């Protein structure tokens, strides 16, 4: 019973994030990008270009354009869970985009191109990030990029570059090349904002330490930093001598203390510090239950 309640709670949160994200994306379109004639790539950007010449509703075109991609996503990616969340995001974005046209000024929030690109990109990215936190996608190039990555081995970033690049190129012919250049800035800013919202600013550091005083360093990490540490067996490629390797994950603020610990214990130690995008488990963010997200067909 408790599992069912927990499962429903997470499903509700997912769709809440998706709905909020779709609304925020629509705000970005109506307040900045559509009045400023700057595309954001993908099907929404292509719809903006078509709307400029035909006056067809942008939201309706986004919905129609995503239908075949949703079918492909259902078939080749995440089954029902993927399709339902993405379909919800696309549908609500389409409804909000066309609906907000009746409540917001047609000229948007500003006519300054720099402000349009900056705020349009940030607000759009926040909306995208919320959708991603709800385990959905915004459809369009997201679906196509994942399919190309999964079945053709094309990097997702390259797939986005191809699809969004074609839309930006078309916008240059339609709206002018100055706005097309600003559109590239919009895409870049929105990507950064989406990553920050969906994954947070929880960039951690992971350290590999090779030292002859591994017991002392491990004990100091456990007591002073209060972080877990893993001792792995290692062999020097040149010396062919066995020497344990310490591995630990910590925050950026704890890096200097770790350096001091290692240097005090063994000035001749070797340490590599890398970046980890996310850390889950004891001492960091808890794992999110995923029993309700099993792949279904």
Protein backbone atom coordinates (compact mmCIF):
# COMPACT_ATOMS: atom_id res chain seq x y z
CA UNK A 1 0.00 0.00 0.00
CA UNK A 2 2.81 2.39 0.93
CA UNK A 3 4.57 1.60 -2.36
CA UNK A 4 1.43 2.50 -4.29
CA UNK A 5 1.06 5.80 -2.42
CA UNK A 6 4.74 6.63 -2.99
CA UNK A 7 4.42 5.69 -6.65
CA UNK A 8 1.39 7.94 -7.11
CA UNK A 9 3.18 10.77 -5.36
CA UNK A 10 6.11 10.63 -7.79
CA UNK A 11 3.82 10.34 -10.79
CA UNK A 12 1.92 13.43 -9.61
CA UNK A 13 5.19 15.34 -9.15
CA UNK A 14 6.36 14.32 -12.61
CA UNK A 15 3.25 15.64 -14.30
CA UNK A 16 3.29 18.77 -12.15
CA UNK A 17 6.83 19.53 -13.34
CA UNK A 18 5.84 18.78 -16.92
CA UNK A 19 2.79 21.08 -16.79
CA UNK A 20 4.76 23.88 -15.13
CA UNK A 21 7.58 23.48 -17.63
CA UNK A 22 5.23 23.60 -20.61
CA UNK A 23 3.66 26.79 -19.26
CA UNK A 24 7.03 28.46 -18.70
CA UNK A 25 8.17 27.50 -22.20
CA UNK A 26 5.02 29.01 -23.65
CA UNK A 27 5.68 32.22 -21.69
CA UNK A 28 9.15 32.41 -23.19
CA UNK A 29 7.71 32.01 -26.65
CA UNK A 30 4.95 34.61 -26.26
CA UNK A 31 6.87 37.19 -24.23
CA UNK A 32 10.19 37.05 -26.08
CA UNK A 33 10.87 34.69 -28.96
CA UNK A 34 7.77 35.01 -31.13
CA UNK A 35 7.57 38.83 -30.97
CA UNK A 36 11.35 39.07 -31.36
CA UNK A 37 11.36 36.73 -34.39
CA UNK A 38 13.96 34.47 -32.82
CA UNK A 39 13.64 30.72 -33.15
CA UNK A 40 14.59 28.19 -30.51
CA UNK A 41 15.25 25.35 -32.91
CA UNK A 42 13.24 22.18 -33.42
CA UNK A 43 9.60 21.99 -34.45
CA UNK A 44 8.60 25.07 -32.45
CA UNK A 45 11.16 27.12 -34.36
CA UNK A 46 9.99 25.73 -37.69
CA UNK A 47 6.42 26.53 -36.66
CA UNK A 48 7.43 30.13 -35.97
CA UNK A 49 8.79 30.45 -39.50
CA UNK A 50 5.66 28.95 -41.06
CA UNK A 51 3.47 31.19 -38.89
CA UNK A 52 5.34 34.26 -40.12
CA UNK A 53 4.19 33.58 -43.68
CA UNK A 54 0.84 31.82 -43.17
CA UNK A 55 -0.44 32.99 -39.74
CA UNK A 56 -1.28 29.39 -38.89
CA UNK A 57 -1.40 28.83 -35.09
CA UNK A 58 2.03 27.93 -33.78
CA UNK A 59 0.71 25.62 -31.07
CA UNK A 60 -1.37 23.60 -33.50
CA UNK A 61 1.60 23.19 -35.85
CA UNK A 62 3.83 22.08 -32.96
CA UNK A 63 1.26 19.45 -31.98
CA UNK A 64 0.78 18.16 -35.53
CA UNK A 65 4.51 18.14 -36.22
CA UNK A 66 5.22 16.10 -33.12
CA UNK A 67 2.66 13.37 -33.75
CA UNK A 68 4.84 11.19 -36.01
CA UNK A 69 7.83 11.71 -33.70
CA UNK A 70 5.74 10.63 -30.70
CA UNK A 71 4.88 7.42 -32.51
CA UNK A 72 8.58 6.82 -33.18
CA UNK A 73 9.41 7.60 -29.56
CA UNK A 74 6.81 5.11 -28.35
CA UNK A 75 8.23 2.45 -30.65
CA UNK A 76 11.95 2.94 -30.27
CA UNK A 77 12.61 4.67 -26.94
CA UNK A 78 10.74 4.39 -23.66
CA UNK A 79 7.42 2.76 -24.42
CA UNK A 80 4.28 4.04 -22.72
CA UNK A 81 6.00 6.00 -19.94
CA UNK A 82 8.10 8.00 -22.37
CA UNK A 83 5.26 8.62 -24.81
CA UNK A 84 2.68 9.71 -22.22
CA UNK A 85 4.96 12.21 -20.50
CA UNK A 86 6.26 13.63 -23.76
CA UNK A 87 2.78 13.78 -25.29
CA UNK A 88 1.57 15.65 -22.19
CA UNK A 89 4.44 18.14 -22.47
CA UNK A 90 3.83 18.73 -26.17
CA UNK A 91 0.06 19.03 -25.82
CA UNK A 92 0.20 21.48 -22.91
CA UNK A 93 2.91 23.54 -24.58
CA UNK A 94 0.77 23.78 -27.71
CA UNK A 95 -2.33 24.79 -25.75
CA UNK A 96 -0.47 27.34 -23.62
CA UNK A 97 1.36 28.83 -26.61
CA UNK A 98 -1.84 29.52 -28.53
CA UNK A 99 -3.89 30.35 -25.42
CA UNK A 100 -1.48 32.94 -24.03
CA UNK A 101 -1.73 34.89 -27.28
CA UNK A 102 -5.11 36.18 -26.05
CA UNK A 103 -3.74 37.44 -22.73
CA UNK A 104 -0.23 38.72 -23.45
CA UNK A 105 0.77 41.76 -25.55
CA UNK A 106 1.60 40.90 -29.15
CA UNK A 107 4.75 43.05 -28.96
CA UNK A 108 6.09 40.99 -26.10
CA UNK A 109 7.96 42.17 -23.02
CA UNK A 110 10.69 44.08 -24.87
CA UNK A 111 11.91 44.97 -28.34
CA UNK A 112 15.61 44.96 -27.42
CA UNK A 113 17.23 42.08 -29.30
CA UNK A 114 19.80 41.36 -26.62
CA UNK A 115 17.17 41.22 -23.88
CA UNK A 116 14.93 39.07 -26.05
CA UNK A 117 17.73 36.56 -26.63
CA UNK A 118 18.93 36.58 -23.04
CA UNK A 119 15.62 36.39 -21.20
CA UNK A 120 13.98 34.27 -23.88
CA UNK A 121 16.78 31.72 -23.62
CA UNK A 122 16.79 31.67 -19.82
CA UNK A 123 13.01 31.38 -19.42
CA UNK A 124 12.80 28.77 -22.16
CA UNK A 125 15.60 26.78 -20.54
CA UNK A 126 13.86 26.88 -17.16
CA UNK A 127 10.75 25.44 -18.77
CA UNK A 128 12.75 22.72 -20.52
CA UNK A 129 14.53 21.86 -17.28
CA UNK A 130 11.24 21.46 -15.44
CA UNK A 131 9.98 19.10 -18.14
CA UNK A 132 13.19 17.07 -17.88
CA UNK A 133 12.78 16.89 -14.09
CA UNK A 134 9.36 15.39 -14.75
CA UNK A 135 11.09 12.69 -16.82
CA UNK A 136 9.58 13.93 -20.04
CA UNK A 137 10.96 15.65 -23.10
CA UNK A 138 9.79 18.58 -25.14
CA UNK A 139 9.37 16.39 -28.21
CA UNK A 140 10.66 17.43 -31.62
CA UNK A 141 14.44 17.35 -31.87
CA UNK A 142 14.64 15.73 -28.42
CA UNK A 143 12.99 12.58 -29.75
CA UNK A 144 14.84 12.62 -33.06
CA UNK A 145 18.17 13.19 -31.30
CA UNK A 146 17.64 10.26 -28.95
CA UNK A 147 16.63 7.94 -31.78
CA UNK A 148 19.68 8.90 -33.87
CA UNK A 149 21.90 8.45 -30.82
CA UNK A 150 20.44 5.08 -29.88
CA UNK A 151 20.31 3.46 -33.31
CA UNK A 152 22.86 5.33 -35.41
CA UNK A 153 25.48 6.14 -32.79
CA UNK A 154 25.23 9.87 -33.54
CA UNK A 155 25.97 11.97 -30.47
CA UNK A 156 22.88 13.75 -29.14
CA UNK A 157 24.71 17.08 -29.28
CA UNK A 158 25.46 16.50 -32.97
CA UNK A 159 21.85 15.54 -33.66
CA UNK A 160 20.69 18.76 -32.01
CA UNK A 161 23.27 20.69 -34.00
CA UNK A 162 21.90 19.28 -37.26
CA UNK A 163 18.19 19.78 -36.54
CA UNK A 164 18.49 23.13 -34.78
CA UNK A 165 21.07 24.33 -37.30
CA UNK A 166 18.68 23.75 -40.19
CA UNK A 167 15.92 25.67 -38.40
CA UNK A 168 18.24 28.57 -37.58
CA UNK A 169 19.43 28.63 -41.18
CA UNK A 170 15.84 28.82 -42.39
CA UNK A 171 15.14 31.62 -39.89
CA UNK A 172 18.02 33.59 -41.37
CA UNK A 173 16.27 33.63 -44.75
CA UNK A 174 12.89 34.42 -43.14
CA UNK A 175 13.71 36.91 -40.38
CA UNK A 176 17.18 38.18 -41.22
CA UNK A 177 20.66 36.97 -40.36
CA UNK A 178 21.05 39.19 -37.31
CA UNK A 179 18.10 37.45 -35.66
CA UNK A 180 19.45 34.06 -36.73
CA UNK A 181 22.73 34.83 -34.94
CA UNK A 182 20.81 35.83 -31.84
CA UNK A 183 18.86 32.57 -32.13
CA UNK A 184 22.11 30.63 -31.72
CA UNK A 185 22.61 32.51 -28.47
CA UNK A 186 19.07 31.58 -27.40
CA UNK A 187 19.73 27.90 -28.03
CA UNK A 188 22.99 28.00 -26.08
CA UNK A 189 21.53 29.88 -23.11
CA UNK A 190 18.42 27.72 -22.96
CA UNK A 191 20.56 24.58 -22.93
CA UNK A 192 22.60 25.85 -19.98
CA UNK A 193 19.49 26.90 -18.06
CA UNK A 194 17.76 23.58 -18.76
CA UNK A 195 20.76 21.63 -17.46
CA UNK A 196 20.94 23.77 -14.32
CA UNK A 197 17.24 23.35 -13.53
CA UNK A 198 17.02 19.64 -14.34
CA UNK A 199 20.25 18.55 -12.66
CA UNK A 200 20.83 21.38 -10.20
CA UNK A 201 24.10 23.04 -9.35
CA UNK A 202 25.29 19.99 -7.45
CA UNK A 203 28.61 19.54 -9.17
CA UNK A 204 30.75 17.31 -7.01
CA UNK A 205 34.39 16.31 -7.11
CA UNK A 206 35.79 12.80 -7.18
CA UNK A 207 39.36 12.12 -6.14
CA UNK A 208 41.75 9.26 -6.87
CA UNK A 209 44.67 9.18 -4.46
CA UNK A 210 47.78 7.00 -4.76
CA UNK A 211 49.84 7.10 -1.60
CA UNK A 212 52.02 4.88 0.55
CA UNK A 213 50.11 6.21 3.57
CA UNK A 214 46.72 5.09 2.39
CA UNK A 215 45.54 4.02 5.84
CA UNK A 216 46.34 7.42 7.37
CA UNK A 217 44.71 9.33 4.49
CA UNK A 218 41.62 7.11 4.55
CA UNK A 219 41.23 7.58 8.29
CA UNK A 220 41.54 11.36 7.99
CA UNK A 221 38.96 11.48 5.20
CA UNK A 222 36.56 9.47 7.33
CA UNK A 223 37.06 11.56 10.46
CA UNK A 224 37.78 15.11 9.26
CA UNK A 225 35.76 15.21 6.05
CA UNK A 226 33.20 12.67 7.23
CA UNK A 227 33.14 11.23 3.74
CA UNK A 228 33.23 7.62 2.68
CA UNK A 229 36.34 6.32 0.97
CA UNK A 230 36.91 3.20 -1.12
CA UNK A 231 40.27 1.41 -1.14
CA UNK A 232 40.95 -0.31 -4.46
CA UNK A 233 43.92 -2.51 -5.36
CA UNK A 234 46.34 -1.04 -7.87
CA UNK A 235 49.64 -1.89 -9.51
CA UNK A 236 52.18 0.59 -10.84
CA UNK A 237 52.81 0.18 -14.54
CA UNK A 238 56.45 1.23 -14.26
CA UNK A 239 57.43 -0.09 -10.82
CA UNK A 240 55.14 -3.13 -10.97
CA UNK A 241 54.56 -2.60 -7.25
CA UNK A 242 51.19 -3.04 -5.59
CA UNK A 243 49.80 0.14 -4.09
CA UNK A 244 46.20 0.77 -2.99
CA UNK A 245 44.19 3.53 -4.69
CA UNK A 246 41.80 5.62 -2.62
CA UNK A 247 38.58 6.87 -4.19
CA UNK A 248 36.19 9.37 -2.62
CA UNK A 249 33.49 11.85 -3.63
CA UNK A 250 33.20 15.26 -2.00
CA UNK A 251 31.91 18.78 -2.53
CA UNK A 252 33.92 21.57 -4.12
CA UNK A 253 34.28 23.29 -0.75
CA UNK A 254 36.00 20.21 0.69
CA UNK A 255 38.69 19.91 -1.98
CA UNK A 256 41.24 22.18 -0.28
CA UNK A 257 40.90 20.29 3.00
CA UNK A 258 41.44 17.01 1.14
CA UNK A 259 44.60 18.41 -0.45
CA UNK A 260 45.87 19.43 2.98
CA UNK A 261 45.12 15.99 4.41
CA UNK A 262 46.96 14.20 1.62
CA UNK A 263 49.94 16.56 1.63
CA UNK A 264 50.38 16.31 5.40
CA UNK A 265 50.23 12.51 5.35
CA UNK A 266 52.37 11.98 2.25
CA UNK A 267 53.94 14.92 0.33
CA UNK A 268 54.92 12.47 -2.44
CA UNK A 269 51.35 11.25 -3.01
CA UNK A 270 49.71 11.43 -6.43
CA UNK A 271 46.12 12.68 -6.65
CA UNK A 272 43.69 13.25 -9.52
CA UNK A 273 40.55 15.34 -8.94
CA UNK A 274 37.72 15.14 -11.43
CA UNK A 275 34.19 16.46 -11.72
CA UNK A 276 31.06 14.42 -11.05
CA UNK A 277 27.73 15.73 -12.31
CA UNK A 278 25.70 13.97 -9.66
CA UNK A 279 26.20 11.97 -6.48
CA UNK A 280 23.47 9.75 -5.06
CA UNK A 281 23.52 7.85 -1.81
CA UNK A 282 24.50 8.34 1.82
CA UNK A 283 25.91 11.80 2.46
CA UNK A 284 24.55 13.16 -0.82
CA UNK A 285 21.20 13.22 -2.57
CA UNK A 286 18.99 10.19 -1.86
CA UNK A 287 18.04 7.81 -4.63
CA UNK A 288 14.62 8.45 -6.04
CA UNK A 289 12.33 5.44 -6.09
CA UNK A 290 11.67 4.29 -9.63
CA UNK A 291 9.38 1.32 -9.22
CA UNK A 292 6.67 3.07 -11.21
CA UNK A 293 8.97 3.80 -14.14
CA UNK A 294 9.66 0.32 -15.36
CA UNK A 295 9.57 0.02 -19.11
CA UNK A 296 6.18 -1.06 -20.34
CA UNK A 297 5.09 -2.00 -23.82
